[in-house]
Amino acid sequence: AAASSDEEDDSDSSTKPIRSEKKNPASLFQTGGDPPKERKTKKKAGHRPAEAGSAEESPELRNSNRKGKGRKAKKKEERPPSPTVEVDNLEEFVLRPAPQGLSVKCRVTRDKRGMDRGLYPTYYLHLDNDRKVFLLAGRKRKKSKTSNYLISIDPTDLSRGGENFVGKLRQEPPAPPFSPFTVFDNGANPDRANADWSNVRQELSAVVYETNVLGFKGPRKMTVIIPGMNSDNERVPIRPRNDNDGLLMRWQNHNMDNIIELHNKAPVWNDETQSYVLNFHGRVTHASVKNFQIVHADDPEYIVMQFGRVADDAFTMDYNYPLCAVQAFAIALSSFDGKLACE
């Protein structure tokens, strides 16, 4: 059985106005940490966070929402066009949180060329719009003790020492398939820290997969840990000085200062289709154990990220505030790794 999709509407639900009784989603992620020293582009004000997933969610695999039935066509005509995502400086864009109120819709493609020669697939991330703007490429490194994916802003340069390197996804010991993952930016190893520690790499996320009673035949359980946001809606920098101070260790020790815990939204068993299903609002069309939605426990209707299959080697990946493209892409890459990729 696998998580599936609701193929009822492929339009952008992220632009729907937020209802007055809903809590501002941005407040879910504020932790009050110190602002980062290296301030970059200031965020534009004015957008109110919108619901990335429609409130009219149905767990069933069907062609219409449970609410508002019969008005779908009219609502679709009246819906405003999707806001344009502008990519100015690519490196800054992929590390910048998504704008509040805007769902950044992307597509991940898997290139298997070279696998017959022992090479790992390369994954590419593009904006899912008319221009198909390239954002990121990722590929698993060879000769690493655990899974280690390099992430680059150049589709051909995936070297650790290259100037296009922007982050990496690393599986932690002891062993796969259920060892957690950590996502880093392109900063320096703590062993090469400068005097004020400002050049040291930040931990952007951690991903923990849990077993379930059905093993690989049932839906996965994911926990995603990310840094919180400060009052200026900037990511609180997490720069561990040793292995005992990272996101995973803080979370395992229940030290939740300046970190946020997220989970995948639990799919629901559907007797008719004999599968676990989620409503992806038309963005996912193929059943797969890789399909998931990430939410905050305090507001499961606000979809922080969703990922799912649309073809054998093509997937949609949509992310919302407070995630950036590197965080979301790395979380998606973790779902391809090792035995977790079994279907």
Foldseek 3Di string as FASTA:
>chain_A
DFAAAAQAAPAFPLQDDADPVDDQVLVQFAQAFDFAPPDDDAADDDAGAGFRFDPQWDLDRDHDGPPPPPCVVVVVVPDDHADDDDCDPLLCQQQAFFHGSHKFKKKKFWACPCVVVVAWIKIWIFGPDPVRHTRKIKGWDPPDPWTKIWIFRDNVDRDLPDPRTFKMKTFDDDDDDFGKIWIKTNADDLVPADDVRSRAIFTAKMKGWDADPVGLVAAIKIKMKGFGAHPSLHGRGQGDNDPCRHRVNCVVVVNCRRMAIKIWDFFDQDPVVRGTYTYPRSQAHDTASLWTFIDHPVDRSRTQKTKYDDDPGMMMIIGHPPHGNSVRVSVSVSCCDDPSRPD
